[in-house]
Amino acid sequence: MTPDEVLALLRREPDVEAPDLVAVDATDRLLLDTARETAPDLSRQRVVVVDDAYGALTLGAVAAGARDVRVHQDLLVGEQALARNAARTGLAGAYGSGPLTAELFDGATLVLAKAPKALDALRELTELAAAAADPAVTVLVGGRVKHMTHGMNDVLGAGFTEVSASLARQKSRLLVARGPRPGVRSSFPRCRHDDALGLDVCAHGAAFAGTRVDDGTRLLVAALEGAAPEARTALDLGCGTGVLAAVLARSRPDLTVTATDQSAAAVASARATLARAGLDRVRVLRDDAAATLPDAGTDLVVCNPPFHLGAAVVTAAADRLFTAAARVLRPGGELWAVWNNRLPHRAALRRVVGPTRTAAHDRRFTVTVSTRR
């Protein structure tokens, strides 16, 4: 099949659907077209793909002739979608997946990446690529024009001697980096002490909020002192950097705590945070909506759900986590969740989990307690 034929078959599943969310976007197509212009014979390139949403970059490159393709996707649902799309297009086994490490970039001659929202995520990619890729590597970073910033040029410029921007096409643009600077090394994970929590928070580049503790999490932490006092098992669902799991495990030594997140960066960050706090007894899993945990086996779930999918503000991601919480909670178990006041989560919590009351609130956030029916 041609690259266009492959792209036409791609789907988002098992990810959620929402208006204006697609499996292949204009940035994917611009990256692939520019890759073929940069390296007409992709079969001779060592290609690394970073944060391919649903497989368009990976499978498009393979369909265009690439034979050595390594992929890192931060989100587990992206890995699952890529695997399903590879099977759908007959390209299963045509690529290898791995963690975001120097080994991923070892000897790479062409890097294709979707521009991350966080500059630190781009910084971690830049440092790893500059340290390990082939000296002749070309790095292509693509995104929507409205989300591309001059700060991205500066970040790439810290790792590469040449950085330029492409012309815009269909509201997308690329940054092109060449010439790795000598002596660049990864500075991640980074850790910072939070005085209010008495905790070192560690984060890889793509982890939400980085080493900062967001205000919603602080409000939930303050409310957790009286949460499910008889609980013996707890789950930090969508754990991010592991702050909630650390607070629970530190304050309640008899509580068995598990932390899950579908983000590879979050899982690595949470492990680093917990290790720094001497809380290695907390189990940290990369898992999509607690899919590998048993039904009705948890007494307490804490959750600070996301409210963005890409650039869109939607409730679907939170609803999936609420549904997961309802499944893993035993009858009478409690879900403690924090969410932005402008989101209509209360009705969903009542419908999906059970009776819901407010435990705390401020001008931006609400903490609710939902009891499993």
Protein backbone atom coordinates (compact mmCIF):
# COMPACT_ATOMS: atom_id res chain seq x y z
CA MET A 1 0.00 0.00 0.00
CA THR A 2 1.05 3.58 -0.59
CA PRO A 3 1.47 5.95 2.38
CA ASP A 4 -1.82 7.66 1.50
CA GLU A 5 -3.63 4.32 1.40
CA VAL A 6 -2.19 3.42 4.79
CA LEU A 7 -3.16 6.74 6.35
CA ALA A 8 -6.72 6.38 5.06
CA LEU A 9 -7.14 3.18 7.11
CA LEU A 10 -5.99 4.54 10.46
CA ARG A 11 -8.35 4.84 13.42
CA ARG A 12 -8.11 6.35 16.92
CA GLU A 13 -9.38 3.27 18.77
CA PRO A 14 -9.10 2.40 21.61
CA ASP A 15 -8.86 6.12 22.43
CA VAL A 16 -11.97 8.15 23.12
CA GLU A 17 -13.74 10.02 20.35
CA ALA A 18 -14.56 13.71 20.55
CA PRO A 19 -15.39 16.50 18.08
CA ASP A 20 -12.44 17.65 15.97
CA LEU A 21 -10.22 14.75 17.06
CA VAL A 22 -8.84 12.67 14.19
CA ALA A 23 -6.39 9.79 13.68
CA VAL A 24 -4.30 11.63 11.06
CA ASP A 25 -3.82 15.39 10.98
CA ALA A 26 -2.14 17.99 8.77
CA THR A 27 1.00 17.95 10.92
CA ASP A 28 1.43 14.21 10.38
CA ARG A 29 1.21 14.70 6.62
CA LEU A 30 3.64 17.64 6.63
CA LEU A 31 6.18 15.66 8.67
CA LEU A 32 5.96 12.67 6.33
CA ASP A 33 6.21 14.78 3.19
CA THR A 34 9.21 16.67 4.56
CA ALA A 35 10.88 13.42 5.65
CA ARG A 36 10.64 12.08 2.10
CA GLU A 37 12.05 15.34 0.72
CA THR A 38 14.88 15.33 3.26
CA ALA A 39 15.73 11.66 2.74
CA PRO A 40 14.27 10.37 -0.54
CA ASP A 41 15.51 6.85 0.22
CA LEU A 42 14.05 6.16 3.66
CA SER A 43 15.27 2.57 3.50
CA ARG A 44 18.79 3.85 4.25
CA GLN A 45 17.74 5.89 7.29
CA ARG A 46 17.61 4.97 10.98
CA VAL A 47 14.30 6.60 11.83
CA VAL A 48 13.11 7.51 15.33
CA VAL A 49 9.51 8.60 15.86
CA VAL A 50 8.45 10.36 19.07
CA ASP A 51 4.85 10.79 20.23
CA ASP A 52 3.14 9.44 17.17
CA ALA A 53 -0.48 9.90 18.23
CA TYR A 54 -2.08 6.90 16.49
CA GLY A 55 0.58 5.56 14.13
CA ALA A 56 0.45 7.92 11.17
CA LEU A 57 4.15 8.84 11.33
CA THR A 58 5.40 5.33 12.02
CA LEU A 59 3.26 3.49 9.50
CA GLY A 60 3.48 6.29 6.95
CA ALA A 61 7.29 6.12 7.11
CA VAL A 62 7.25 2.32 6.78
CA ALA A 63 4.90 2.53 3.80
CA ALA A 64 7.31 5.05 2.23
CA GLY A 65 10.19 2.57 2.48
CA ALA A 66 11.68 2.94 5.98
CA ARG A 67 13.03 -0.34 7.34
CA ASP A 68 14.68 0.71 10.62
CA VAL A 69 12.01 2.51 12.66
CA ARG A 70 12.04 2.92 16.43
CA VAL A 71 9.12 4.52 18.24
CA HIS A 72 8.41 6.08 21.62
CA GLN A 73 4.87 7.09 22.54
CA ASP A 74 4.27 8.61 25.93
CA LEU A 75 0.63 7.54 26.10
CA LEU A 76 -0.21 3.86 26.36
CA VAL A 77 -3.39 4.39 24.35
CA GLY A 78 -1.19 5.65 21.51
CA GLU A 79 0.86 2.45 21.62
CA GLN A 80 -2.32 0.41 21.54
CA ALA A 81 -3.74 2.41 18.63
CA LEU A 82 -0.49 2.04 16.68
CA ALA A 83 -0.52 -1.72 17.23
CA ARG A 84 -4.12 -1.99 16.04
CA ASN A 85 -3.46 0.22 13.03
CA ALA A 86 -0.35 -1.79 12.16
CA ALA A 87 -2.41 -4.97 12.18
CA ARG A 88 -5.16 -3.29 10.17
CA THR A 89 -2.70 -2.21 7.47
CA GLY A 90 -0.65 -5.41 7.40
CA LEU A 91 2.42 -3.67 8.90
CA ALA A 92 2.61 -5.42 12.26
CA GLY A 93 6.22 -6.06 13.24
CA ALA A 94 7.56 -3.32 10.95
CA TYR A 95 8.75 -1.13 13.85
CA GLY A 96 10.09 -1.41 17.39
CA SER A 97 8.78 0.43 20.46
CA GLY A 98 10.91 1.55 23.39
CA PRO A 99 11.26 4.01 26.27
CA LEU A 100 12.48 7.58 25.84
CA THR A 101 16.17 6.98 26.50
CA ALA A 102 19.48 7.61 24.80
CA GLU A 103 19.31 4.06 23.45
CA LEU A 104 16.21 4.96 21.43
CA PHE A 105 18.18 7.62 19.55
CA ASP A 106 21.41 5.65 19.19
CA GLY A 107 22.70 6.26 15.65
CA ALA A 108 19.46 7.85 14.45
CA THR A 109 19.73 9.75 11.17
CA LEU A 110 16.14 11.05 11.02
CA VAL A 111 13.86 11.99 13.93
CA LEU A 112 10.16 12.73 13.44
CA ALA A 113 8.35 14.23 16.43
CA LYS A 114 5.05 15.87 17.20
CA ALA A 115 5.69 19.10 19.11
CA PRO A 116 4.81 18.57 22.78
CA LYS A 117 2.82 21.09 24.78
CA ALA A 118 5.52 21.34 27.46
CA LEU A 119 8.89 22.86 26.63
CA ASP A 120 10.52 20.45 29.07
CA ALA A 121 9.26 17.53 26.99
CA LEU A 122 10.96 19.03 23.94
CA ARG A 123 14.05 19.72 26.04
CA GLU A 124 14.32 16.07 27.11
CA LEU A 125 13.93 14.92 23.49
CA THR A 126 16.53 17.46 22.35
CA GLU A 127 19.08 16.43 24.96
CA LEU A 128 18.70 12.73 24.22
CA ALA A 129 18.84 13.15 20.45
CA ALA A 130 21.84 15.49 20.57
CA ALA A 131 23.71 13.09 22.84
CA ALA A 132 23.05 9.83 21.00
CA ALA A 133 22.00 10.40 17.38
CA ASP A 134 24.25 10.26 14.34
CA PRO A 135 26.19 13.52 13.81
CA ALA A 136 24.37 13.90 10.47
CA VAL A 137 20.90 13.54 12.03
CA THR A 138 17.98 15.70 10.93
CA VAL A 139 15.32 16.34 13.57
CA LEU A 140 11.86 17.39 12.35
CA VAL A 141 9.45 18.68 15.01
CA GLY A 142 5.95 19.51 13.80
CA GLY A 143 2.87 21.17 15.25
CA ARG A 144 0.00 23.51 14.64
CA VAL A 145 1.21 27.04 13.97
CA LYS A 146 -0.80 28.48 16.88
CA HIS A 147 0.97 26.12 19.29
CA MET A 148 4.52 26.68 18.01
CA THR A 149 6.55 29.21 20.02
CA HIS A 150 9.93 30.89 19.78
CA GLY A 151 10.82 29.09 22.98
CA MET A 152 10.84 25.83 21.00
CA ASN A 153 13.55 27.24 18.71
CA ASP A 154 15.60 28.15 21.78
CA VAL A 155 15.24 24.68 23.28
CA LEU A 156 16.30 22.98 20.05
CA GLY A 157 19.12 25.51 19.69
CA ALA A 158 20.56 24.39 23.02
CA GLY A 159 21.17 20.96 21.51
CA PHE A 160 21.77 21.70 17.82
CA THR A 161 23.82 24.26 15.92
CA GLU A 162 21.26 24.76 13.12
CA VAL A 163 17.56 25.38 13.74
CA SER A 164 15.15 26.67 11.12
CA ALA A 165 11.41 26.84 10.55
CA SER A 166 9.50 25.60 7.53
CA LEU A 167 6.80 27.46 5.72
CA ALA A 168 3.34 26.87 7.11
CA ARG A 169 0.99 24.44 5.36
CA GLN A 170 -2.61 23.87 6.37
CA LYS A 171 -1.92 25.72 9.63
CA SER A 172 0.99 23.41 10.50
CA ARG A 173 4.71 24.16 10.61
CA LEU A 174 7.96 22.30 11.23
CA LEU A 175 11.15 23.13 13.08
CA VAL A 176 14.24 21.56 11.53
CA ALA A 177 17.34 20.93 13.66
CA ARG A 178 20.78 19.69 12.56
CA GLY A 179 24.30 19.56 13.95
CA PRO A 180 24.25 18.06 17.47
CA ARG A 181 26.29 20.13 19.91
CA PRO A 182 29.06 18.19 21.65
CA GLY A 183 28.79 17.44 25.35
CA VAL A 184 24.99 17.58 25.61
CA ARG A 185 23.58 15.18 28.23
CA SER A 186 20.12 14.51 29.60
CA SER A 187 19.15 16.53 32.68
CA PHE A 188 16.04 14.44 33.45
CA PRO A 189 14.38 13.53 35.68
CA ARG A 190 14.55 16.84 37.51
CA CYS A 191 13.61 17.07 41.18
CA ARG A 192 12.51 20.03 43.31
CA HIS A 193 11.66 20.18 47.00
CA ASP A 194 8.11 21.30 47.82
CA ASP A 195 8.25 22.98 51.21
CA ALA A 196 4.50 22.85 51.84
CA LEU A 197 4.36 19.10 51.29
CA GLY A 198 7.83 18.29 52.58
CA LEU A 199 8.36 16.23 49.45
CA ASP A 200 10.85 16.15 46.58
CA VAL A 201 8.81 16.08 43.38
CA CYS A 202 10.61 14.52 40.40
CA ALA A 203 9.54 14.84 36.78
CA HIS A 204 10.50 13.84 33.28
CA GLY A 205 9.84 16.37 30.55
CA ALA A 206 6.37 15.22 29.48
CA ALA A 207 4.97 14.85 33.01
CA PHE A 208 2.00 17.15 33.67
CA ALA A 209 2.99 20.22 35.73
CA GLY A 210 6.61 19.06 35.89
CA THR A 211 8.10 19.44 39.36
CA ARG A 212 5.37 21.93 40.30
CA VAL A 213 2.38 20.75 42.34
CA ASP A 214 -0.80 22.15 40.78
CA ASP A 215 -3.41 23.91 42.90
CA GLY A 216 -6.03 21.19 42.40
CA THR A 217 -3.69 18.55 43.79
CA ARG A 218 -2.90 20.78 46.80
CA LEU A 219 -6.61 21.17 47.57
CA LEU A 220 -7.14 17.42 47.35
CA VAL A 221 -4.08 16.70 49.54
CA ALA A 222 -5.44 19.03 52.22
CA ALA A 223 -8.80 17.23 52.18
CA LEU A 224 -7.44 13.67 52.29
CA GLU A 225 -6.75 13.50 56.02
CA GLY A 226 -10.20 12.08 56.71
CA ALA A 227 -10.54 9.98 53.57
CA ALA A 228 -11.90 6.45 54.09
CA PRO A 229 -10.25 5.87 57.49
CA GLU A 230 -10.92 2.12 57.40
CA ALA A 231 -9.33 1.68 53.97
CA ARG A 232 -6.60 -0.92 53.54
CA THR A 233 -5.99 -0.49 49.81
CA ALA A 234 -5.76 2.71 47.78
CA LEU A 235 -5.25 3.68 44.15
CA ASP A 236 -3.84 6.93 42.78
CA LEU A 237 -5.60 6.86 39.41
CA GLY A 238 -3.81 8.98 36.81
CA CYS A 239 -0.94 9.48 39.25
CA GLY A 240 1.18 12.03 37.35
CA THR A 241 4.38 12.62 39.31
CA GLY A 242 3.10 10.49 42.21
CA VAL A 243 2.36 13.26 44.72
CA LEU A 244 -0.98 11.87 45.91
CA ALA A 245 0.39 8.33 46.18
CA ALA A 246 3.35 9.63 48.18
CA VAL A 247 1.16 11.63 50.56
CA LEU A 248 -1.13 8.64 51.18
CA ALA A 249 1.69 6.15 51.67
CA ARG A 250 3.69 8.45 53.94
CA SER A 251 0.75 9.42 56.18
CA ARG A 252 -0.79 5.94 56.36
CA PRO A 253 1.93 3.27 56.64
CA ASP A 254 -0.61 0.42 56.84
CA LEU A 255 -2.24 1.43 53.54
CA THR A 256 -1.31 -0.59 50.45
CA VAL A 257 -0.99 2.01 47.69
CA THR A 258 -0.92 1.52 43.92
CA ALA A 259 -0.34 4.33 41.41
CA THR A 260 -1.25 4.08 37.73
CA ASP A 261 -0.97 6.32 34.70
CA GLN A 262 -0.98 5.69 30.96
CA SER A 263 1.85 8.22 30.46
CA ALA A 264 5.33 6.69 30.37
CA ALA A 265 6.76 10.02 31.58
CA ALA A 266 4.33 10.08 34.50
CA VAL A 267 5.16 6.53 35.55
CA ALA A 268 8.91 7.19 35.41
CA SER A 269 8.41 10.45 37.31
CA ALA A 270 6.24 8.85 40.00
CA ARG A 271 8.81 6.11 40.54
CA ALA A 272 11.51 8.74 40.95
CA THR A 273 9.38 10.80 43.38
CA LEU A 274 8.51 7.77 45.48
CA ALA A 275 12.08 6.46 45.50
CA ARG A 276 13.34 9.86 46.64
CA ALA A 277 10.83 9.73 49.52
CA GLY A 278 11.83 6.20 50.50
CA LEU A 279 8.42 4.87 49.47
CA ASP A 280 9.43 2.07 47.13
CA ARG A 281 6.65 -0.06 48.61
CA VAL A 282 4.16 1.85 46.44
CA ARG A 283 3.47 -0.11 43.26
CA VAL A 284 3.54 2.05 40.11
CA LEU A 285 2.01 0.71 36.90
CA ARG A 286 1.70 2.04 33.36
CA ASP A 287 -1.94 1.25 32.79
CA ASP A 288 -4.83 2.75 30.88
CA ALA A 289 -7.70 3.54 33.25
CA ALA A 290 -6.63 0.81 35.71
CA ALA A 291 -7.46 -1.85 33.11
CA THR A 292 -5.21 -4.50 34.70
CA LEU A 293 -6.57 -4.07 38.25
CA PRO A 294 -9.31 -6.40 39.53
CA ASP A 295 -12.93 -5.42 39.99
CA ALA A 296 -14.13 -4.37 43.45
CA GLY A 297 -10.69 -4.78 45.03
CA THR A 298 -9.91 -1.23 46.19
CA ASP A 299 -11.16 0.71 49.22
CA LEU A 300 -10.04 4.22 48.24
CA VAL A 301 -9.35 5.89 44.90
CA VAL A 302 -7.88 9.38 44.56
CA CYS A 303 -7.93 11.15 41.23
CA ASN A 304 -7.03 14.50 39.67
CA PRO A 305 -8.31 13.79 36.14
CA PRO A 306 -7.17 15.57 32.98
CA PHE A 307 -9.58 17.82 31.15
CA HIS A 308 -7.68 18.19 27.87
CA LEU A 309 -7.37 15.80 24.93
CA GLY A 310 -4.75 17.45 22.76
CA ALA A 311 -5.85 21.08 22.64
CA ALA A 312 -9.55 20.31 23.12
CA VAL A 313 -11.32 20.70 26.46
CA VAL A 314 -13.52 17.63 26.85
CA THR A 315 -14.93 15.52 29.70
CA ALA A 316 -14.39 12.13 28.06
CA ALA A 317 -10.96 11.51 29.62
CA ALA A 318 -12.26 12.19 33.14
CA ASP A 319 -15.39 10.10 32.51
CA ARG A 320 -13.19 7.11 31.60
CA LEU A 321 -11.30 7.45 34.88
CA PHE A 322 -14.53 7.79 36.87
CA THR A 323 -15.83 4.63 35.21
CA ALA A 324 -12.56 2.86 36.03
CA ALA A 325 -12.81 3.99 39.66
CA ALA A 326 -16.34 2.64 39.90
CA ARG A 327 -15.17 -0.73 38.57
CA VAL A 328 -12.20 -1.18 40.93
CA LEU A 329 -13.91 0.17 44.08
CA ARG A 330 -15.57 -2.27 46.43
CA PRO A 331 -19.16 -1.44 47.44
CA GLY A 332 -18.92 1.34 50.01
CA GLY A 333 -15.47 2.38 48.77
CA GLU A 334 -14.76 6.04 48.10
CA LEU A 335 -13.53 8.05 45.14
CA TRP A 336 -11.95 11.37 46.13
CA ALA A 337 -11.63 13.54 43.04
CA VAL A 338 -10.66 17.14 42.34
CA TRP A 339 -11.83 19.03 39.29
CA ASN A 340 -12.19 22.48 37.82
CA ASN A 341 -15.38 24.18 38.95
CA ARG A 342 -16.53 24.90 35.39
CA LEU A 343 -16.68 21.23 34.43
CA PRO A 344 -19.94 19.24 34.80
CA HIS A 345 -18.42 16.27 36.60
CA ARG A 346 -20.81 16.04 39.54
CA ALA A 347 -23.63 14.51 37.50
CA ALA A 348 -21.26 11.96 35.95
CA LEU A 349 -19.87 11.01 39.36
CA ARG A 350 -23.35 10.44 40.77
CA ARG A 351 -24.38 8.41 37.74
CA VAL A 352 -21.23 6.33 37.37
CA VAL A 353 -19.98 5.90 40.96
CA GLY A 354 -22.71 6.78 43.43
CA PRO A 355 -23.82 9.43 45.95
CA THR A 356 -21.47 12.41 45.76
CA ARG A 357 -20.78 15.19 48.24
CA THR A 358 -18.41 18.16 48.33
CA ALA A 359 -15.43 17.80 50.67
CA ALA A 360 -13.63 21.05 49.82
CA HIS A 361 -13.72 23.86 47.30
CA ASP A 362 -12.13 27.17 46.41
CA ARG A 363 -12.65 29.68 43.63
CA ARG A 364 -11.20 27.30 40.98
CA PHE A 365 -11.50 23.71 42.19
CA THR A 366 -13.89 21.33 43.93
CA VAL A 367 -13.03 18.14 45.81
CA THR A 368 -15.83 15.59 45.85
CA VAL A 369 -16.31 12.25 47.61
CA SER A 370 -18.31 9.62 45.72
CA THR A 371 -19.34 6.42 47.49
CA ARG A 372 -19.60 3.26 45.43
CA ARG A 373 -23.11 1.86 45.48
